[in-house]
PDB file of N, CA and C in Angstrom:
ATOM      1  N   UNK A   1     -19.613  -7.254 -37.182  1.00  0.00           N
ATOM      2  CA  UNK A   1     -19.602  -6.740 -38.545  1.00  0.00           C
ATOM      3  C   UNK A   1     -19.529  -7.919 -39.507  1.00  0.00           C
ATOM      4  N   UNK A   2     -20.431  -7.964 -40.443  1.00  0.00           N
ATOM      5  CA  UNK A   2     -20.431  -9.026 -41.441  1.00  0.00           C
ATOM      6  C   UNK A   2     -19.828  -8.505 -42.735  1.00  0.00           C
ATOM      7  N   UNK A   3     -18.782  -9.155 -43.189  1.00  0.00           N
ATOM      8  CA  UNK A   3     -18.135  -8.754 -44.432  1.00  0.00           C
ATOM      9  C   UNK A   3     -18.785  -9.452 -45.620  1.00  0.00           C
ATOM     10  N   UNK A   4     -19.087 -10.722 -45.475  1.00  0.00           N
ATOM     11  CA  UNK A   4     -19.702 -11.483 -46.546  1.00  0.00           C
ATOM     12  C   UNK A   4     -20.859 -12.267 -45.955  1.00  0.00           C
ATOM     13  N   UNK A   5     -22.035 -11.971 -46.432  1.00  0.00           N
ATOM     14  CA  UNK A   5     -23.200 -12.648 -45.908  1.00  0.00           C
ATOM     15  C   UNK A   5     -24.146 -12.966 -47.053  1.00  0.00           C
ATOM     16  N   UNK A   6     -24.506 -14.221 -47.190  1.00  0.00           N
ATOM     17  CA  UNK A   6     -25.495 -14.614 -48.182  1.00  0.00           C
ATOM     18  C   UNK A   6     -26.080 -15.953 -47.800  1.00  0.00           C
ATOM     19  N   UNK A   7     -27.205 -16.260 -48.390  1.00  0.00           N
ATOM     20  CA  UNK A   7     -27.847 -17.541 -48.149  1.00  0.00           C
ATOM     21  C   UNK A   7     -27.311 -18.519 -49.171  1.00  0.00           C
ATOM     22  N   UNK A   8     -26.669 -19.585 -48.713  1.00  0.00           N
ATOM     23  CA  UNK A   8     -25.999 -20.546 -49.585  1.00  0.00           C
ATOM     24  C   UNK A   8     -26.918 -21.058 -50.691  1.00  0.00           C
ATOM     25  N   UNK A   9     -28.088 -21.560 -50.336  1.00  0.00           N
ATOM     26  CA  UNK A   9     -28.979 -22.156 -51.343  1.00  0.00           C
ATOM     27  C   UNK A   9     -29.387 -21.155 -52.406  1.00  0.00           C
ATOM     28  N   UNK A  10     -29.603 -19.911 -52.029  1.00  0.00           N
ATOM     29  CA  UNK A  10     -30.043 -18.895 -52.983  1.00  0.00           C
ATOM     30  C   UNK A  10     -28.926 -18.469 -53.922  1.00  0.00           C
ATOM     31  N   UNK A  11     -27.686 -18.471 -53.459  1.00  0.00           N
ATOM     32  CA  UNK A  11     -26.582 -17.961 -54.258  1.00  0.00           C
ATOM     33  C   UNK A  11     -25.797 -19.046 -54.983  1.00  0.00           C
ATOM     34  N   UNK A  12     -25.724 -20.223 -54.434  1.00  0.00           N
ATOM     35  CA  UNK A  12     -24.986 -21.305 -55.065  1.00  0.00           C
ATOM     36  C   UNK A  12     -25.906 -22.113 -55.959  1.00  0.00           C
ATOM     37  N   UNK A  13     -27.142 -22.247 -55.576  1.00  0.00           N
ATOM     38  CA  UNK A  13     -28.121 -22.876 -56.445  1.00  0.00           C
ATOM     39  C   UNK A  13     -28.293 -24.369 -56.262  1.00  0.00           C
ATOM     40  N   UNK A  14     -27.714 -24.945 -55.233  1.00  0.00           N
ATOM     41  CA  UNK A  14     -27.885 -26.383 -55.022  1.00  0.00           C
ATOM     42  C   UNK A  14     -28.632 -26.610 -53.724  1.00  0.00           C
ATOM     43  N   UNK A  15     -29.669 -27.400 -53.791  1.00  0.00           N
ATOM     44  CA  UNK A  15     -30.407 -27.793 -52.599  1.00  0.00           C
ATOM     45  C   UNK A  15     -30.437 -29.307 -52.586  1.00  0.00           C
ATOM     46  N   UNK A  16     -30.111 -29.876 -51.469  1.00  0.00           N
ATOM     47  CA  UNK A  16     -30.159 -31.328 -51.381  1.00  0.00           C
ATOM     48  C   UNK A  16     -28.995 -31.887 -50.599  1.00  0.00           C
ATOM     49  N   UNK A  17     -28.809 -33.166 -50.730  1.00  0.00           N
ATOM     50  CA  UNK A  17     -27.798 -33.901 -49.971  1.00  0.00           C
ATOM     51  C   UNK A  17     -26.451 -33.782 -50.664  1.00  0.00           C
ATOM     52  N   UNK A  18     -25.497 -33.130 -49.991  1.00  0.00           N
ATOM     53  CA  UNK A  18     -24.164 -32.965 -50.573  1.00  0.00           C
ATOM     54  C   UNK A  18     -23.289 -34.196 -50.406  1.00  0.00           C
ATOM     55  N   UNK A  19     -23.774 -35.219 -49.701  1.00  0.00           N
ATOM     56  CA  UNK A  19     -22.956 -36.402 -49.466  1.00  0.00           C
ATOM     57  C   UNK A  19     -22.687 -37.176 -50.747  1.00  0.00           C
ATOM     58  N   UNK A  20     -23.510 -36.976 -51.772  1.00  0.00           N
ATOM     59  CA  UNK A  20     -23.305 -37.674 -53.031  1.00  0.00           C
ATOM     60  C   UNK A  20     -22.556 -36.799 -54.042  1.00  0.00           C
ATOM     61  N   UNK A  21     -21.929 -35.727 -53.550  1.00  0.00           N
ATOM     62  CA  UNK A  21     -21.207 -34.813 -54.422  1.00  0.00           C
ATOM     63  C   UNK A  21     -19.707 -34.886 -54.148  1.00  0.00           C
ATOM     64  N   UNK A  22     -18.921 -34.711 -55.188  1.00  0.00           N
ATOM     65  CA  UNK A  22     -17.488 -34.499 -55.079  1.00  0.00           C
ATOM     66  C   UNK A  22     -17.196 -33.204 -55.819  1.00  0.00           C
ATOM     67  N   UNK A  23     -16.090 -32.573 -55.494  1.00  0.00           N
ATOM     68  CA  UNK A  23     -15.762 -31.269 -56.061  1.00  0.00           C
ATOM     69  C   UNK A  23     -14.534 -31.405 -56.964  1.00  0.00           C
ATOM     70  N   UNK A  24     -14.672 -30.934 -58.204  1.00  0.00           N
ATOM     71  CA  UNK A  24     -13.598 -30.951 -59.196  1.00  0.00           C
ATOM     72  C   UNK A  24     -12.883 -29.609 -59.194  1.00  0.00           C
ATOM     73  N   UNK A  25     -11.561 -29.631 -59.043  1.00  0.00           N
ATOM     74  CA  UNK A  25     -10.733 -28.431 -59.133  1.00  0.00           C
ATOM     75  C   UNK A  25     -10.164 -28.335 -60.545  1.00  0.00           C
ATOM     76  N   UNK A  26     -10.376 -27.197 -61.188  1.00  0.00           N
ATOM     77  CA  UNK A  26      -9.795 -26.919 -62.504  1.00  0.00           C
ATOM     78  C   UNK A  26      -8.944 -25.666 -62.395  1.00  0.00           C
ATOM     79  N   UNK A  27      -7.663 -25.784 -62.731  1.00  0.00           N
ATOM     80  CA  UNK A  27      -6.725 -24.657 -62.712  1.00  0.00           C
ATOM     81  C   UNK A  27      -6.507 -24.165 -64.138  1.00  0.00           C
ATOM     82  N   UNK A  28      -6.500 -22.836 -64.309  1.00  0.00           N
ATOM     83  CA  UNK A  28      -6.363 -22.252 -65.644  1.00  0.00           C
ATOM     84  C   UNK A  28      -5.295 -21.170 -65.586  1.00  0.00           C
ATOM     85  N   UNK A  29      -4.230 -21.332 -66.360  1.00  0.00           N
ATOM     86  CA  UNK A  29      -3.147 -20.347 -66.425  1.00  0.00           C
ATOM     87  C   UNK A  29      -3.431 -19.420 -67.603  1.00  0.00           C
ATOM     88  N   UNK A  30      -3.386 -18.107 -67.328  1.00  0.00           N
ATOM     89  CA  UNK A  30      -3.717 -17.114 -68.345  1.00  0.00           C
ATOM     90  C   UNK A  30      -2.612 -16.071 -68.484  1.00  0.00           C
ATOM     91  N   UNK A  31      -2.614 -15.399 -69.633  1.00  0.00           N
ATOM     92  CA  UNK A  31      -1.717 -14.283 -69.887  1.00  0.00           C
ATOM     93  C   UNK A  31      -2.554 -13.069 -70.272  1.00  0.00           C
ATOM     94  N   UNK A  32      -2.446 -12.012 -69.474  1.00  0.00           N
ATOM     95  CA  UNK A  32      -3.132 -10.778 -69.839  1.00  0.00           C
ATOM     96  C   UNK A  32      -2.496 -10.162 -71.073  1.00  0.00           C
ATOM     97  N   UNK A  33      -1.199 -10.356 -71.243  1.00  0.00           N
ATOM     98  CA  UNK A  33      -0.483  -9.800 -72.383  1.00  0.00           C
ATOM     99  C   UNK A  33      -1.024 -10.374 -73.692  1.00  0.00           C
ATOM    100  N   UNK A  34      -1.181 -11.681 -73.732  1.00  0.00           N
ATOM    101  CA  UNK A  34      -1.673 -12.348 -74.947  1.00  0.00           C
ATOM    102  C   UNK A  34      -3.198 -12.381 -75.005  1.00  0.00           C
ATOM    103  N   UNK A  35      -3.835 -12.157 -73.867  1.00  0.00           N
ATOM    104  CA  UNK A  35      -5.291 -12.210 -73.827  1.00  0.00           C
ATOM    105  C   UNK A  35      -5.837 -13.619 -73.999  1.00  0.00           C
ATOM    106  N   UNK A  36      -5.059 -14.610 -73.563  1.00  0.00           N
ATOM    107  CA  UNK A  36      -5.474 -15.999 -73.717  1.00  0.00           C
ATOM    108  C   UNK A  36      -5.215 -16.786 -72.439  1.00  0.00           C
ATOM    109  N   UNK A  37      -5.844 -17.948 -72.390  1.00  0.00           N
ATOM    110  CA  UNK A  37      -5.634 -18.884 -71.290  1.00  0.00           C
ATOM    111  C   UNK A  37      -5.339 -20.265 -71.862  1.00  0.00           C
ATOM    112  N   UNK A  38      -4.568 -21.044 -71.131  1.00  0.00           N
ATOM    113  CA  UNK A  38      -4.357 -22.437 -71.498  1.00  0.00           C
ATOM    114  C   UNK A  38      -5.630 -23.218 -71.202  1.00  0.00           C
ATOM    115  N   UNK A  39      -5.721 -24.409 -71.747  1.00  0.00           N
ATOM    116  CA  UNK A  39      -6.848 -25.283 -71.433  1.00  0.00           C
ATOM    117  C   UNK A  39      -6.835 -25.591 -69.929  1.00  0.00           C
ATOM    118  N   UNK A  40      -7.989 -25.684 -69.300  1.00  0.00           N
ATOM    119  CA  UNK A  40      -8.027 -25.987 -67.862  1.00  0.00           C
ATOM    120  C   UNK A  40      -7.362 -27.328 -67.547  1.00  0.00           C
ATOM    121  N   UNK A  41      -6.633 -27.337 -66.453  1.00  0.00           N
ATOM    122  CA  UNK A  41      -6.055 -28.571 -65.953  1.00  0.00           C
ATOM    123  C   UNK A  41      -6.962 -29.079 -64.845  1.00  0.00           C
ATOM    124  N   UNK A  42      -7.540 -30.258 -65.035  1.00  0.00           N
ATOM    125  CA  UNK A  42      -8.408 -30.857 -64.035  1.00  0.00           C
ATOM    126  C   UNK A  42      -7.566 -31.658 -63.049  1.00  0.00           C
ATOM    127  N   UNK A  43      -7.641 -31.253 -61.784  1.00  0.00           N
ATOM    128  CA  UNK A  43      -6.891 -31.946 -60.743  1.00  0.00           C
ATOM    129  C   UNK A  43      -7.381 -33.389 -60.669  1.00  0.00           C
ATOM    130  N   UNK A  44      -6.479 -34.379 -60.603  1.00  0.00           N
ATOM    131  CA  UNK A  44      -6.896 -35.784 -60.666  1.00  0.00           C
ATOM    132  C   UNK A  44      -7.750 -36.248 -59.483  1.00  0.00           C
ATOM    133  N   UNK A  45      -7.493 -35.713 -58.294  1.00  0.00           N
ATOM    134  CA  UNK A  45      -8.293 -36.105 -57.134  1.00  0.00           C
ATOM    135  C   UNK A  45      -9.469 -35.156 -56.981  1.00  0.00           C
ATOM    136  N   UNK A  46     -10.576 -35.680 -56.444  1.00  0.00           N
ATOM    137  CA  UNK A  46     -11.746 -34.858 -56.167  1.00  0.00           C
ATOM    138  C   UNK A  46     -11.772 -34.519 -54.676  1.00  0.00           C
ATOM    139  N   UNK A  47     -12.456 -33.459 -54.336  1.00  0.00           N
ATOM    140  CA  UNK A  47     -12.525 -32.975 -52.963  1.00  0.00           C
ATOM    141  C   UNK A  47     -13.902 -33.259 -52.382  1.00  0.00           C
ATOM    142  N   UNK A  48     -13.931 -33.401 -51.055  1.00  0.00           N
ATOM    143  CA  UNK A  48     -15.195 -33.683 -50.374  1.00  0.00           C
ATOM    144  C   UNK A  48     -16.004 -32.423 -50.092  1.00  0.00           C
ATOM    145  N   UNK A  49     -15.318 -31.276 -49.985  1.00  0.00           N
ATOM    146  CA  UNK A  49     -16.022 -30.041 -49.672  1.00  0.00           C
ATOM    147  C   UNK A  49     -15.537 -28.895 -50.558  1.00  0.00           C
ATOM    148  N   UNK A  50     -16.396 -27.905 -50.702  1.00  0.00           N
ATOM    149  CA  UNK A  50     -16.047 -26.696 -51.440  1.00  0.00           C
ATOM    150  C   UNK A  50     -14.873 -25.996 -50.760  1.00  0.00           C
ATOM    151  N   UNK A  51     -14.914 -25.940 -49.438  1.00  0.00           N
ATOM    152  CA  UNK A  51     -13.855 -25.290 -48.664  1.00  0.00           C
ATOM    153  C   UNK A  51     -12.494 -25.925 -48.956  1.00  0.00           C
ATOM    154  N   UNK A  52     -12.420 -27.260 -48.887  1.00  0.00           N
ATOM    155  CA  UNK A  52     -11.153 -27.957 -49.140  1.00  0.00           C
ATOM    156  C   UNK A  52     -10.644 -27.673 -50.542  1.00  0.00           C
ATOM    157  N   UNK A  53     -11.544 -27.667 -51.513  1.00  0.00           N
ATOM    158  CA  UNK A  53     -11.157 -27.390 -52.900  1.00  0.00           C
ATOM    159  C   UNK A  53     -10.620 -25.964 -53.043  1.00  0.00           C
ATOM    160  N   UNK A  54     -11.307 -24.999 -52.444  1.00  0.00           N
ATOM    161  CA  UNK A  54     -10.892 -23.599 -52.546  1.00  0.00           C
ATOM    162  C   UNK A  54      -9.524 -23.375 -51.902  1.00  0.00           C
ATOM    163  N   UNK A  55      -9.322 -23.880 -50.711  1.00  0.00           N
ATOM    164  CA  UNK A  55      -8.031 -23.704 -50.038  1.00  0.00           C
ATOM    165  C   UNK A  55      -6.913 -24.345 -50.856  1.00  0.00           C
ATOM    166  N   UNK A  56      -7.154 -25.565 -51.350  1.00  0.00           N
ATOM    167  CA  UNK A  56      -6.151 -26.257 -52.153  1.00  0.00           C
ATOM    168  C   UNK A  56      -5.880 -25.490 -53.450  1.00  0.00           C
ATOM    169  N   UNK A  57      -6.929 -24.963 -54.070  1.00  0.00           N
ATOM    170  CA  UNK A  57      -6.771 -24.185 -55.304  1.00  0.00           C
ATOM    171  C   UNK A  57      -5.888 -22.966 -55.097  1.00  0.00           C
ATOM    172  N   UNK A  58      -6.103 -22.234 -54.000  1.00  0.00           N
ATOM    173  CA  UNK A  58      -5.254 -21.075 -53.711  1.00  0.00           C
ATOM    174  C   UNK A  58      -3.812 -21.506 -53.454  1.00  0.00           C
ATOM    175  N   UNK A  59      -3.625 -22.584 -52.704  1.00  0.00           N
ATOM    176  CA  UNK A  59      -2.276 -23.063 -52.398  1.00  0.00           C
ATOM    177  C   UNK A  59      -1.551 -23.500 -53.667  1.00  0.00           C
ATOM    178  N   UNK A  60      -2.228 -24.248 -54.526  1.00  0.00           N
ATOM    179  CA  UNK A  60      -1.593 -24.719 -55.758  1.00  0.00           C
ATOM    180  C   UNK A  60      -1.324 -23.571 -56.728  1.00  0.00           C
ATOM    181  N   UNK A  61      -2.213 -22.574 -56.748  1.00  0.00           N
ATOM    182  CA  UNK A  61      -1.989 -21.395 -57.595  1.00  0.00           C
ATOM    183  C   UNK A  61      -0.722 -20.671 -57.160  1.00  0.00           C
ATOM    184  N   UNK A  62      -0.543 -20.518 -55.860  1.00  0.00           N
ATOM    185  CA  UNK A  62       0.667 -19.877 -55.336  1.00  0.00           C
ATOM    186  C   UNK A  62       1.909 -20.674 -55.722  1.00  0.00           C
ATOM    187  N   UNK A  63       1.867 -21.986 -55.530  1.00  0.00           N
ATOM    188  CA  UNK A  63       3.018 -22.833 -55.891  1.00  0.00           C
ATOM    189  C   UNK A  63       3.357 -22.705 -57.375  1.00  0.00           C
ATOM    190  N   UNK A  64       2.341 -22.700 -58.226  1.00  0.00           N
ATOM    191  CA  UNK A  64       2.566 -22.623 -59.676  1.00  0.00           C
ATOM    192  C   UNK A  64       3.140 -21.259 -60.061  1.00  0.00           C
ATOM    193  N   UNK A  65       2.654 -20.185 -59.449  1.00  0.00           N
ATOM    194  CA  UNK A  65       3.196 -18.853 -59.736  1.00  0.00           C
ATOM    195  C   UNK A  65       4.668 -18.792 -59.335  1.00  0.00           C
ATOM    196  N   UNK A  66       5.008 -19.370 -58.182  1.00  0.00           N
ATOM    197  CA  UNK A  66       6.400 -19.390 -57.739  1.00  0.00           C
ATOM    198  C   UNK A  66       7.247 -20.245 -58.681  1.00  0.00           C
ATOM    199  N   UNK A  67       6.683 -21.340 -59.173  1.00  0.00           N
ATOM    200  CA  UNK A  67       7.392 -22.209 -60.114  1.00  0.00           C
ATOM    201  C   UNK A  67       7.644 -21.487 -61.446  1.00  0.00           C
ATOM    202  N   UNK A  68       6.656 -20.776 -61.929  1.00  0.00           N
ATOM    203  CA  UNK A  68       6.805 -20.024 -63.186  1.00  0.00           C
ATOM    204  C   UNK A  68       7.848 -18.927 -63.000  1.00  0.00           C
ATOM    205  N   UNK A  69       7.823 -18.279 -61.857  1.00  0.00           N
ATOM    206  CA  UNK A  69       8.850 -17.291 -61.515  1.00  0.00           C
ATOM    207  C   UNK A  69       8.451 -15.858 -61.816  1.00  0.00           C
ATOM    208  N   UNK A  70       9.060 -14.976 -61.064  1.00  0.00           N
ATOM    209  CA  UNK A  70       8.781 -13.545 -61.148  1.00  0.00           C
ATOM    210  C   UNK A  70       8.971 -12.992 -62.564  1.00  0.00           C
ATOM    211  N   UNK A  71      10.080 -13.358 -63.213  1.00  0.00           N
ATOM    212  CA  UNK A  71      10.391 -12.807 -64.529  1.00  0.00           C
ATOM    213  C   UNK A  71       9.323 -13.157 -65.551  1.00  0.00           C
ATOM    214  N   UNK A  72       8.957 -14.432 -65.636  1.00  0.00           N
ATOM    215  CA  UNK A  72       7.958 -14.868 -66.623  1.00  0.00           C
ATOM    216  C   UNK A  72       6.556 -14.352 -66.282  1.00  0.00           C
ATOM    217  N   UNK A  73       6.215 -14.352 -65.005  1.00  0.00           N
ATOM    218  CA  UNK A  73       4.903 -13.833 -64.598  1.00  0.00           C
ATOM    219  C   UNK A  73       4.775 -12.372 -65.005  1.00  0.00           C
ATOM    220  N   UNK A  74       5.812 -11.581 -64.715  1.00  0.00           N
ATOM    221  CA  UNK A  74       5.778 -10.164 -65.068  1.00  0.00           C
ATOM    222  C   UNK A  74       5.838  -9.939 -66.573  1.00  0.00           C
ATOM    223  N   UNK A  75       6.632 -10.733 -67.264  1.00  0.00           N
ATOM    224  CA  UNK A  75       6.781 -10.585 -68.715  1.00  0.00           C
ATOM    225  C   UNK A  75       5.449 -10.800 -69.436  1.00  0.00           C
ATOM    226  N   UNK A  76       4.676 -11.793 -69.025  1.00  0.00           N
ATOM    227  CA  UNK A  76       3.435 -12.147 -69.702  1.00  0.00           C
ATOM    228  C   UNK A  76       2.181 -11.711 -68.940  1.00  0.00           C
ATOM    229  N   UNK A  77       2.395 -10.992 -67.815  1.00  0.00           N
ATOM    230  CA  UNK A  77       1.250 -10.635 -66.955  1.00  0.00           C
ATOM    231  C   UNK A  77       0.402 -11.876 -66.695  1.00  0.00           C
ATOM    232  N   UNK A  78       1.065 -12.921 -66.264  1.00  0.00           N
ATOM    233  CA  UNK A  78       0.413 -14.210 -66.047  1.00  0.00           C
ATOM    234  C   UNK A  78      -0.395 -14.203 -64.750  1.00  0.00           C
ATOM    235  N   UNK A  79      -1.450 -14.975 -64.767  1.00  0.00           N
ATOM    236  CA  UNK A  79      -2.247 -15.185 -63.565  1.00  0.00           C
ATOM    237  C   UNK A  79      -2.908 -16.545 -63.654  1.00  0.00           C
ATOM    238  N   UNK A  80      -3.355 -17.026 -62.523  1.00  0.00           N
ATOM    239  CA  UNK A  80      -4.040 -18.315 -62.469  1.00  0.00           C
ATOM    240  C   UNK A  80      -5.424 -18.089 -61.895  1.00  0.00           C
ATOM    241  N   UNK A  81      -6.403 -18.678 -62.545  1.00  0.00           N
ATOM    242  CA  UNK A  81      -7.752 -18.700 -61.984  1.00  0.00           C
ATOM    243  C   UNK A  81      -8.141 -20.166 -61.833  1.00  0.00           C
ATOM    244  N   UNK A  82      -9.098 -20.403 -60.981  1.00  0.00           N
ATOM    245  CA  UNK A  82      -9.521 -21.784 -60.793  1.00  0.00           C
ATOM    246  C   UNK A  82     -10.991 -21.839 -60.431  1.00  0.00           C
ATOM    247  N   UNK A  83     -11.565 -23.015 -60.666  1.00  0.00           N
ATOM    248  CA  UNK A  83     -12.951 -23.235 -60.305  1.00  0.00           C
ATOM    249  C   UNK A  83     -13.042 -24.516 -59.483  1.00  0.00           C
ATOM    250  N   UNK A  84     -14.034 -24.559 -58.624  1.00  0.00           N
ATOM    251  CA  UNK A  84     -14.359 -25.747 -57.846  1.00  0.00           C
ATOM    252  C   UNK A  84     -15.801 -26.105 -58.195  1.00  0.00           C
ATOM    253  N   UNK A  85     -15.964 -27.160 -58.980  1.00  0.00           N
ATOM    254  CA  UNK A  85     -17.256 -27.494 -59.540  1.00  0.00           C
ATOM    255  C   UNK A  85     -17.802 -28.778 -58.924  1.00  0.00           C
ATOM    256  N   UNK A  86     -18.999 -28.727 -58.330  1.00  0.00           N
ATOM    257  CA  UNK A  86     -19.608 -29.945 -57.780  1.00  0.00           C
ATOM    258  C   UNK A  86     -19.961 -30.932 -58.891  1.00  0.00           C
ATOM    259  N   UNK A  87     -19.695 -32.195 -58.625  1.00  0.00           N
ATOM    260  CA  UNK A  87     -20.056 -33.285 -59.537  1.00  0.00           C
ATOM    261  C   UNK A  87     -20.896 -34.304 -58.780  1.00  0.00           C
ATOM    262  N   UNK A  88     -21.917 -34.769 -59.403  1.00  0.00           N
ATOM    263  CA  UNK A  88     -22.776 -35.791 -58.801  1.00  0.00           C
ATOM    264  C   UNK A  88     -22.066 -37.134 -58.889  1.00  0.00           C
ATOM    265  N   UNK A  89     -22.000 -37.853 -57.781  1.00  0.00           N
ATOM    266  CA  UNK A  89     -21.416 -39.203 -57.750  1.00  0.00           C
ATOM    267  C   UNK A  89     -22.535 -40.191 -57.993  1.00  0.00           C
ATOM    268  N   UNK A  90     -22.328 -41.041 -58.977  1.00  0.00           N
ATOM    269  CA  UNK A  90     -23.367 -42.030 -59.323  1.00  0.00           C
ATOM    270  C   UNK A  90     -23.080 -43.344 -58.652  1.00  0.00           C
TER     271      UNK A  90
END
């Protein structure tokens, strides 16, 4: 059974050598209550793969939610979203 199936090149839109790419992680803290988000925080280190960036993004989002705490998260309906964006290395 396939839960998620797609052709990478058709859905991601990049064709070519990924060896010259690094991945930028941007974390964004938002409040559903206020309907706003803080400016994205760009992680200082870059990642070699999309997978590594995604796993790290989920882990850091969890840590930040725990740091903010249950009371504040619930009070502001806070959530974290993140992106992993390929960057060309020159």
